[in-house]
C-alpha atoms as a PDB file:
ATOM      1  CA  MET A   1      -8.741  60.601-141.687  1.00  0.00           C
ATOM      2  CA  ASP A   2     -12.499  60.790-141.380  1.00  0.00           C
ATOM      3  CA  LYS A   3     -13.856  63.054-139.021  1.00  0.00           C
ATOM      4  CA  THR A   4     -14.105  60.949-136.210  1.00  0.00           C
ATOM      5  CA  GLU A   5     -10.183  60.331-136.167  1.00  0.00           C
ATOM      6  CA  LEU A   6      -9.051  63.742-136.770  1.00  0.00           C
ATOM      7  CA  LEU A   7     -11.152  64.653-133.841  1.00  0.00           C
ATOM      8  CA  GLY A   8      -9.828  61.985-131.481  1.00  0.00           C
ATOM      9  CA  LYS A   9      -5.997  63.508-132.060  1.00  0.00           C
ATOM     10  CA  LEU A  10      -7.449  66.177-129.655  1.00  0.00           C
ATOM     11  CA  SER A  11      -7.136  64.006-126.909  1.00  0.00           C
ATOM     12  CA  MET A  12      -5.738  65.284-124.102  1.00  0.00           C
ATOM     13  CA  GLU A  13      -4.561  61.471-122.727  1.00  0.00           C
ATOM     14  CA  GLN A  14      -2.451  61.701-125.545  1.00  0.00           C
ATOM     15  CA  PHE A  15      -0.310  64.973-124.639  1.00  0.00           C
ATOM     16  CA  LYS A  16      -0.385  64.610-120.840  1.00  0.00           C
ATOM     17  CA  THR A  17       2.532  66.266-119.716  1.00  0.00           C
ATOM     18  CA  GLN A  18       4.695  65.523-117.238  1.00  0.00           C
ATOM     19  CA  SER A  19       3.154  67.127-114.369  1.00  0.00           C
ATOM     20  CA  ASP A  20      -0.207  66.266-115.150  1.00  0.00           C
ATOM     21  CA  TYR A  21       1.047  62.783-114.637  1.00  0.00           C
ATOM     22  CA  LEU A  22       2.591  63.080-111.618  1.00  0.00           C
ATOM     23  CA  ALA A  23      -0.489  65.219-110.007  1.00  0.00           C
ATOM     24  CA  ASP A  24      -2.467  62.198-110.845  1.00  0.00           C
ATOM     25  CA  GLN A  25       0.135  59.912-109.725  1.00  0.00           C
ATOM     26  CA  ILE A  26      -0.558  61.581-106.149  1.00  0.00           C
ATOM     27  CA  LYS A  27      -3.639  61.447-106.222  1.00  0.00           C
ATOM     28  CA  LEU A  28      -4.179  58.108-106.862  1.00  0.00           C
ATOM     29  CA  MET A  29      -1.827  57.474-103.464  1.00  0.00           C
ATOM     30  CA  ILE A  30      -4.199  60.143-102.010  1.00  0.00           C
ATOM     31  CA  THR A  31      -7.538  58.532-102.298  1.00  0.00           C
ATOM     32  CA  SER A  32      -6.030  54.736-101.892  1.00  0.00           C
ATOM     33  CA  GLU A  33      -4.776  55.977 -98.554  1.00  0.00           C
ATOM     34  CA  GLU A  34      -0.876  55.209 -99.191  1.00  0.00           C
ATOM     35  CA  PHE A  35      -0.559  59.197 -98.878  1.00  0.00           C
ATOM     36  CA  GLU A  36      -2.727  59.512 -95.235  1.00  0.00           C
ATOM     37  CA  ASP A  37      -4.543  62.408 -93.743  1.00  0.00           C
ATOM     38  CA  GLY A  38      -1.808  65.321 -92.953  1.00  0.00           C
ATOM     39  CA  PHE A  39       0.999  63.203 -94.532  1.00  0.00           C
ATOM     40  CA  VAL A  40       3.734  65.877 -95.488  1.00  0.00           C
ATOM     41  CA  PHE A  41       5.800  65.401 -98.684  1.00  0.00           C
ATOM     42  CA  PRO A  42       9.668  66.412 -98.542  1.00  0.00           C
ATOM     43  CA  ASN A  43      10.978  69.642 -99.555  1.00  0.00           C
ATOM     44  CA  GLU A  44      10.938  70.633-102.816  1.00  0.00           C
ATOM     45  CA  ASN A  45      14.691  69.954-103.384  1.00  0.00           C
ATOM     46  CA  GLU A  46      14.456  66.822-102.273  1.00  0.00           C
ATOM     47  CA  PHE A  47      11.011  65.389-103.746  1.00  0.00           C
ATOM     48  CA  CYS A  48      12.558  66.810-107.229  1.00  0.00           C
ATOM     49  CA  LYS A  49      15.709  64.749-106.668  1.00  0.00           C
ATOM     50  CA  MET A  50      14.003  61.684-105.796  1.00  0.00           C
ATOM     51  CA  LEU A  51      11.658  62.124-108.490  1.00  0.00           C
ATOM     52  CA  ASN A  52      13.839  62.855-111.350  1.00  0.00           C
ATOM     53  CA  VAL A  53      11.911  66.110-112.161  1.00  0.00           C
ATOM     54  CA  SER A  54      11.949  69.756-112.216  1.00  0.00           C
ATOM     55  CA  ARG A  55      10.818  72.444-109.696  1.00  0.00           C
ATOM     56  CA  GLY A  56       8.449  73.976-112.422  1.00  0.00           C
ATOM     57  CA  THR A  57       7.106  69.800-112.644  1.00  0.00           C
ATOM     58  CA  LEU A  58       6.386  69.607-109.089  1.00  0.00           C
ATOM     59  CA  ARG A  59       4.683  73.394-108.717  1.00  0.00           C
ATOM     60  CA  ASP A  60       2.509  72.325-111.606  1.00  0.00           C
ATOM     61  CA  ALA A  61       1.891  69.292-109.999  1.00  0.00           C
ATOM     62  CA  TYR A  62       0.981  70.607-106.759  1.00  0.00           C
ATOM     63  CA  LYS A  63      -0.900  73.240-108.535  1.00  0.00           C
ATOM     64  CA  LYS A  64      -3.099  70.782-109.990  1.00  0.00           C
ATOM     65  CA  LEU A  65      -3.876  69.063-106.787  1.00  0.00           C
ATOM     66  CA  ALA A  66      -4.499  72.193-104.535  1.00  0.00           C
ATOM     67  CA  THR A  67      -6.935  73.706-106.918  1.00  0.00           C
ATOM     68  CA  GLN A  68      -8.702  70.468-106.758  1.00  0.00           C
ATOM     69  CA  GLY A  69      -8.649  70.384-102.924  1.00  0.00           C
ATOM     70  CA  PHE A  70      -6.292  67.276-102.024  1.00  0.00           C
ATOM     71  CA  ILE A  71      -3.448  69.118-100.981  1.00  0.00           C
ATOM     72  CA  GLU A  72      -2.697  72.421 -98.536  1.00  0.00           C
ATOM     73  CA  ARG A  73       1.031  74.144 -99.502  1.00  0.00           C
ATOM     74  CA  THR A  74       1.845  76.635 -96.906  1.00  0.00           C
ATOM     75  CA  LYS A  75       5.494  78.593 -96.078  1.00  0.00           C
ATOM     76  CA  VAL A  76       6.818  75.724 -93.823  1.00  0.00           C
ATOM     77  CA  GLY A  77       5.933  72.544 -96.276  1.00  0.00           C
ATOM     78  CA  THR A  78       2.885  71.230 -98.520  1.00  0.00           C
ATOM     79  CA  TYR A  79       0.751  68.169 -97.038  1.00  0.00           C
ATOM     80  CA  VAL A  80      -2.103  66.163 -97.334  1.00  0.00           C
ATOM     81  CA  LYS A  81      -5.354  67.841 -96.218  1.00  0.00           C
ATOM     82  CA  CYS A  82      -7.621  65.960 -93.732  1.00  0.00           C
ATOM     83  CA  ARG A  83     -10.745  64.203 -95.306  1.00  0.00           C
ATOM     84  CA  ASP A  84     -13.118  66.436 -92.608  1.00  0.00           C
ATOM     85  CA  THR A  85     -11.340  69.511 -93.710  1.00  0.00           C
ATOM     86  CA  ILE A  86     -11.710  69.116 -97.268  1.00  0.00           C
ATOM     87  CA  ALA A  87     -15.660  67.847 -96.735  1.00  0.00           C
ATOM     88  CA  MET A  88     -15.948  71.457 -94.285  1.00  0.00           C
ATOM     89  CA  GLN A  89     -14.381  73.303 -96.999  1.00  0.00           C
ATOM     90  CA  GLY A  90     -17.312  72.421 -99.219  1.00  0.00           C
ATOM     91  CA  ASN A  91     -15.382  70.667-102.027  1.00  0.00           C
ATOM     92  CA  TYR A  92     -17.791  67.780-103.023  1.00  0.00           C
ATOM     93  CA  SER A  93     -15.645  66.332-106.194  1.00  0.00           C
ATOM     94  CA  ALA A  94     -12.701  66.032-103.834  1.00  0.00           C
ATOM     95  CA  SER A  95     -14.546  64.347-101.443  1.00  0.00           C
ATOM     96  CA  LEU A  96     -16.753  61.924-103.734  1.00  0.00           C
ATOM     97  CA  GLU A  97     -12.981  60.654-105.140  1.00  0.00           C
ATOM     98  CA  LEU A  98     -11.915  60.420-101.509  1.00  0.00           C
ATOM     99  CA  ALA A  99     -15.595  58.609 -99.695  1.00  0.00           C
ATOM    100  CA  THR A 100     -15.323  55.132 -98.722  1.00  0.00           C
ATOM    101  CA  THR A 101     -17.640  52.382-100.030  1.00  0.00           C
ATOM    102  CA  ASP A 102     -19.761  52.751 -96.608  1.00  0.00           C
ATOM    103  CA  GLU A 103     -20.101  56.689 -97.379  1.00  0.00           C
ATOM    104  CA  MET A 104     -21.307  55.869-100.716  1.00  0.00           C
ATOM    105  CA  VAL A 105     -23.989  53.683 -99.272  1.00  0.00           C
ATOM    106  CA  GLU A 106     -25.024  56.055 -96.677  1.00  0.00           C
ATOM    107  CA  PHE A 107     -25.428  59.019 -98.940  1.00  0.00           C
ATOM    108  CA  ILE A 108     -27.250  57.331-102.122  1.00  0.00           C
ATOM    109  CA  CYS A 109     -29.642  55.659 -99.613  1.00  0.00           C
ATOM    110  CA  SER A 110     -30.293  59.334 -98.024  1.00  0.00           C
ATOM    111  CA  PHE A 111     -31.117  61.378-101.088  1.00  0.00           C
ATOM    112  CA  GLU A 112     -31.291  59.400-103.954  1.00  0.00           C
ATOM    113  CA  PRO A 113     -34.832  57.877-102.363  1.00  0.00           C
ATOM    114  CA  GLU A 114     -36.053  61.684-101.770  1.00  0.00           C
ATOM    115  CA  ALA A 115     -34.771  62.364-105.347  1.00  0.00           C
ATOM    116  CA  ALA A 116     -37.324  60.039-106.872  1.00  0.00           C
ATOM    117  CA  SER A 117     -40.131  61.058-104.758  1.00  0.00           C
ATOM    118  CA  LEU A 118     -39.659  64.234-106.466  1.00  0.00           C
ATOM    119  CA  ALA A 119     -40.001  63.538-109.840  1.00  0.00           C
ATOM    120  CA  ALA A 120     -42.703  61.295-109.197  1.00  0.00           C
ATOM    121  CA  LYS A 121     -44.656  64.325-108.615  1.00  0.00           C
ATOM    122  CA  LYS A 122     -43.137  66.313-111.523  1.00  0.00           C
ATOM    123  CA  ILE A 123     -43.069  64.252-114.219  1.00  0.00           C
ATOM    124  CA  ASP A 124     -45.326  65.138-117.215  1.00  0.00           C
ATOM    125  CA  ASP A 125     -46.777  62.706-119.842  1.00  0.00           C
ATOM    126  CA  VAL A 126     -43.895  62.667-122.000  1.00  0.00           C
ATOM    127  CA  GLY A 127     -41.594  61.807-119.282  1.00  0.00           C
ATOM    128  CA  ILE A 128     -44.398  59.036-118.299  1.00  0.00           C
ATOM    129  CA  ALA A 129     -44.192  57.472-122.109  1.00  0.00           C
ATOM    130  CA  LYS A 130     -40.094  58.525-122.049  1.00  0.00           C
ATOM    131  CA  LEU A 131     -39.479  56.315-118.785  1.00  0.00           C
ATOM    132  CA  GLU A 132     -42.022  53.403-120.149  1.00  0.00           C
ATOM    133  CA  ASN A 133     -39.384  53.216-123.352  1.00  0.00           C
ATOM    134  CA  LEU A 134     -36.721  53.009-121.208  1.00  0.00           C
ATOM    135  CA  MET A 135     -38.014  50.286-118.960  1.00  0.00           C
ATOM    136  CA  GLN A 136     -38.544  48.320-122.198  1.00  0.00           C
ATOM    137  CA  LEU A 137     -35.453  48.858-123.364  1.00  0.00           C
ATOM    138  CA  CYS A 138     -34.166  47.167-119.718  1.00  0.00           C
ATOM    139  CA  GLU A 139     -36.719  44.338-120.376  1.00  0.00           C
ATOM    140  CA  ASN A 140     -35.288  43.389-124.023  1.00  0.00           C
ATOM    141  CA  ALA A 141     -31.754  43.850-122.687  1.00  0.00           C
ATOM    142  CA  ALA A 142     -32.446  41.510-119.656  1.00  0.00           C
ATOM    143  CA  GLY A 143     -30.060  38.512-121.670  1.00  0.00           C
ATOM    144  CA  ASP A 144     -27.111  40.929-122.303  1.00  0.00           C
ATOM    145  CA  TYR A 145     -24.922  42.199-119.440  1.00  0.00           C
ATOM    146  CA  ASP A 146     -23.559  44.785-121.091  1.00  0.00           C
ATOM    147  CA  ALA A 147     -27.013  46.177-122.529  1.00  0.00           C
ATOM    148  CA  LEU A 148     -28.694  45.912-119.483  1.00  0.00           C
ATOM    149  CA  ASN A 149     -26.054  47.797-117.417  1.00  0.00           C
ATOM    150  CA  ALA A 150     -26.240  50.648-119.739  1.00  0.00           C
ATOM    151  CA  ALA A 151     -30.050  50.458-120.258  1.00  0.00           C
ATOM    152  CA  ASN A 152     -30.383  50.737-116.057  1.00  0.00           C
ATOM    153  CA  TYR A 153     -27.944  53.549-115.961  1.00  0.00           C
ATOM    154  CA  GLU A 154     -30.463  55.210-118.461  1.00  0.00           C
ATOM    155  CA  PHE A 155     -33.450  54.077-116.398  1.00  0.00           C
ATOM    156  CA  HIS A 156     -32.273  55.962-113.226  1.00  0.00           C
ATOM    157  CA  LYS A 157     -30.027  58.839-114.818  1.00  0.00           C
ATOM    158  CA  PHE A 158     -33.529  59.927-116.372  1.00  0.00           C
ATOM    159  CA  ILE A 159     -35.486  59.626-112.901  1.00  0.00           C
ATOM    160  CA  ARG A 160     -32.481  61.989-111.458  1.00  0.00           C
ATOM    161  CA  ILE A 161     -33.713  64.572-114.399  1.00  0.00           C
ATOM    162  CA  GLN A 162     -37.385  64.439-113.474  1.00  0.00           C
ATOM    163  CA  SER A 163     -36.872  66.186-110.137  1.00  0.00           C
ATOM    164  CA  LYS A 164     -36.034  69.435-112.465  1.00  0.00           C
ATOM    165  CA  ASN A 165     -34.150  70.343-109.732  1.00  0.00           C
ATOM    166  CA  ASN A 166     -30.452  71.014-111.046  1.00  0.00           C
ATOM    167  CA  LEU A 167     -28.355  70.858-107.780  1.00  0.00           C
ATOM    168  CA  ILE A 168     -29.967  67.691-107.419  1.00  0.00           C
ATOM    169  CA  ILE A 169     -29.368  66.229-110.776  1.00  0.00           C
ATOM    170  CA  SER A 170     -25.914  67.580-110.794  1.00  0.00           C
ATOM    171  CA  VAL A 171     -24.956  65.873-107.279  1.00  0.00           C
ATOM    172  CA  LEU A 172     -26.624  62.493-107.803  1.00  0.00           C
ATOM    173  CA  ASN A 173     -25.289  61.901-111.250  1.00  0.00           C
ATOM    174  CA  ALA A 174     -21.560  63.040-110.210  1.00  0.00           C
ATOM    175  CA  TYR A 175     -22.208  60.658-107.548  1.00  0.00           C
ATOM    176  CA  TYR A 176     -24.011  57.735-109.512  1.00  0.00           C
ATOM    177  CA  ASP A 177     -21.400  57.266-112.012  1.00  0.00           C
ATOM    178  CA  VAL A 178     -19.158  56.356-108.712  1.00  0.00           C
ATOM    179  CA  PHE A 179     -21.981  53.927-107.437  1.00  0.00           C
ATOM    180  CA  ASP A 180     -22.295  52.064-110.451  1.00  0.00           C
ATOM    181  CA  LYS A 181     -18.933  51.418-111.254  1.00  0.00           C
ATOM    182  CA  GLN A 182     -17.708  50.257-107.874  1.00  0.00           C
ATOM    183  CA  ILE A 183     -21.298  49.001-106.682  1.00  0.00           C
ATOM    184  CA  ILE A 184     -23.432  48.183-110.146  1.00  0.00           C
ATOM    185  CA  ASN A 185     -20.751  46.662-111.989  1.00  0.00           C
ATOM    186  CA  THR A 186     -18.975  44.824-109.067  1.00  0.00           C
ATOM    187  CA  ILE A 187     -22.347  42.970-108.573  1.00  0.00           C
ATOM    188  CA  TYR A 188     -22.823  41.811-112.467  1.00  0.00           C
ATOM    189  CA  LEU A 189     -19.198  40.940-112.887  1.00  0.00           C
ATOM    190  CA  LEU A 190     -18.830  38.619-109.714  1.00  0.00           C
ATOM    191  CA  LEU A 191     -22.584  37.451-110.543  1.00  0.00           C
ATOM    192  CA  LYS A 192     -21.634  36.590-113.786  1.00  0.00           C
ATOM    193  CA  GLU A 193     -24.006  34.299-115.584  1.00  0.00           C
ATOM    194  CA  ASN A 194     -25.575  33.586-112.652  1.00  0.00           C
ATOM    195  CA  ALA A 195     -27.548  37.084-112.566  1.00  0.00           C
ATOM    196  CA  ASN A 196     -30.710  36.244-113.405  1.00  0.00           C
ATOM    197  CA  ASN A 197     -32.583  36.159-109.741  1.00  0.00           C
ATOM    198  CA  PHE A 198     -30.788  39.560-108.891  1.00  0.00           C
ATOM    199  CA  LYS A 199     -31.788  40.512-112.578  1.00  0.00           C
ATOM    200  CA  GLU A 200     -35.497  39.531-112.923  1.00  0.00           C
ATOM    201  CA  GLN A 201     -36.277  41.062-109.162  1.00  0.00           C
ATOM    202  CA  ALA A 202     -34.459  44.672-110.569  1.00  0.00           C
ATOM    203  CA  LEU A 203     -37.027  44.281-113.415  1.00  0.00           C
ATOM    204  CA  ILE A 204     -39.725  44.103-110.893  1.00  0.00           C
ATOM    205  CA  GLN A 205     -39.127  46.769-109.426  1.00  0.00           C
ATOM    206  CA  HIS A 206     -38.798  48.908-111.986  1.00  0.00           C
ATOM    207  CA  ARG A 207     -41.946  48.040-113.183  1.00  0.00           C
ATOM    208  CA  GLN A 208     -43.229  48.965-109.739  1.00  0.00           C
ATOM    209  CA  LEU A 209     -41.195  52.196-110.269  1.00  0.00           C
ATOM    210  CA  VAL A 210     -42.912  53.068-113.171  1.00  0.00           C
ATOM    211  CA  GLU A 211     -46.519  52.336-112.030  1.00  0.00           C
ATOM    212  CA  ALA A 212     -45.873  54.768-109.119  1.00  0.00           C
ATOM    213  CA  PHE A 213     -44.582  57.246-111.400  1.00  0.00           C
ATOM    214  CA  ARG A 214     -47.947  56.782-113.674  1.00  0.00           C
ATOM    215  CA  LYS A 215     -50.036  57.029-110.421  1.00  0.00           C
ATOM    216  CA  ARG A 216     -47.631  60.365-109.513  1.00  0.00           C
ATOM    217  CA  ASP A 217     -46.940  58.497-106.090  1.00  0.00           C
ATOM    218  CA  GLY A 218     -44.138  60.336-104.861  1.00  0.00           C
ATOM    219  CA  GLU A 219     -43.978  58.446-101.222  1.00  0.00           C
ATOM    220  CA  LYS A 220     -44.456  55.473-103.143  1.00  0.00           C
ATOM    221  CA  ALA A 221     -41.330  56.172-105.380  1.00  0.00           C
ATOM    222  CA  LYS A 222     -39.272  56.980-102.875  1.00  0.00           C
ATOM    223  CA  HIS A 223     -40.236  53.604-101.039  1.00  0.00           C
ATOM    224  CA  ILE A 224     -39.673  51.294-103.976  1.00  0.00           C
ATOM    225  CA  VAL A 225     -36.200  53.436-105.109  1.00  0.00           C
ATOM    226  CA  TYR A 226     -34.940  52.252-101.181  1.00  0.00           C
ATOM    227  CA  ASP A 227     -35.900  48.893-101.435  1.00  0.00           C
ATOM    228  CA  HIS A 228     -34.039  48.956-104.769  1.00  0.00           C
ATOM    229  CA  LEU A 229     -30.514  50.076-103.025  1.00  0.00           C
ATOM    230  CA  GLN A 230     -31.215  48.492-100.273  1.00  0.00           C
ATOM    231  CA  GLN A 231     -31.253  44.691-102.488  1.00  0.00           C
ATOM    232  CA  ASP A 232     -28.358  45.835-104.579  1.00  0.00           C
ATOM    233  CA  LEU A 233     -26.430  46.597-101.527  1.00  0.00           C
ATOM    234  CA  LYS A 234     -27.146  43.410 -99.590  1.00  0.00           C
ATOM    235  CA  THR A 235     -25.966  41.491-103.405  1.00  0.00           C
ATOM    236  CA  TYR A 236     -22.946  43.530-103.145  1.00  0.00           C
ATOM    237  CA  THR A 237     -21.922  42.705 -99.342  1.00  0.00           C
ATOM    238  CA  ALA A 238     -23.046  39.081 -99.799  1.00  0.00           C
ATOM    239  CA  LEU A 239     -20.684  38.440-103.089  1.00  0.00           C
ATOM    240  CA  LYS A 240     -17.641  40.416-101.383  1.00  0.00           C
ATOM    241  CA  HIS A 241     -17.924  38.480 -98.189  1.00  0.00           C
ATOM    242  CA  HIS A 242     -17.740  34.964-100.380  1.00  0.00           C
ATOM    243  CA  ARG A 243     -14.992  36.427-102.950  1.00  0.00           C
END
């Protein structure tokens, strides 16, 4: 057994406990809104009988969900937290998983362009060279969906890193994974072999963005990123309406 296989045996997925599985399933039903805001779970005895699990298993699952911010446990019962309450309590991780597509769109259009503007002002010559290399990787991968998607991800991730603000980097990196999965991946999957026009326009905007960074023009970088996002969202909306 090689080192990779040996370390792979440590994967928690292979050893998921019954309480972990139950917590994951409940969370999935919360994020999909099958369990609406304020949904009250049955009392523990009834719920354990329904699920055929022990009280210890149910309580462990509840503890995990409460720690993540999805549920509230009180003396009178356990219920699903309201999304507004989760947001007001500053639980970004839970809010991210509960976000609607519209909320994600509004968030990224508000913050990603500003992060690019900051990055363009802070980037150094070494960063410019790295950004140009990442741009070239995007160009070289234009004919390969998987390679282009991966290169595009790294290109935008590097720009966020150049903001040199750990709070911005953390928030936007966590968010962009969801945006990339729900929006960008959907675009390419729906377009499939007819993505050439979309990809070419995206690459043109990438080139313009690199040029703005060379000039340390934060305002120009902000507008290019905003237009780039609007193109993604316009394409996504059009494709979803024609499915």
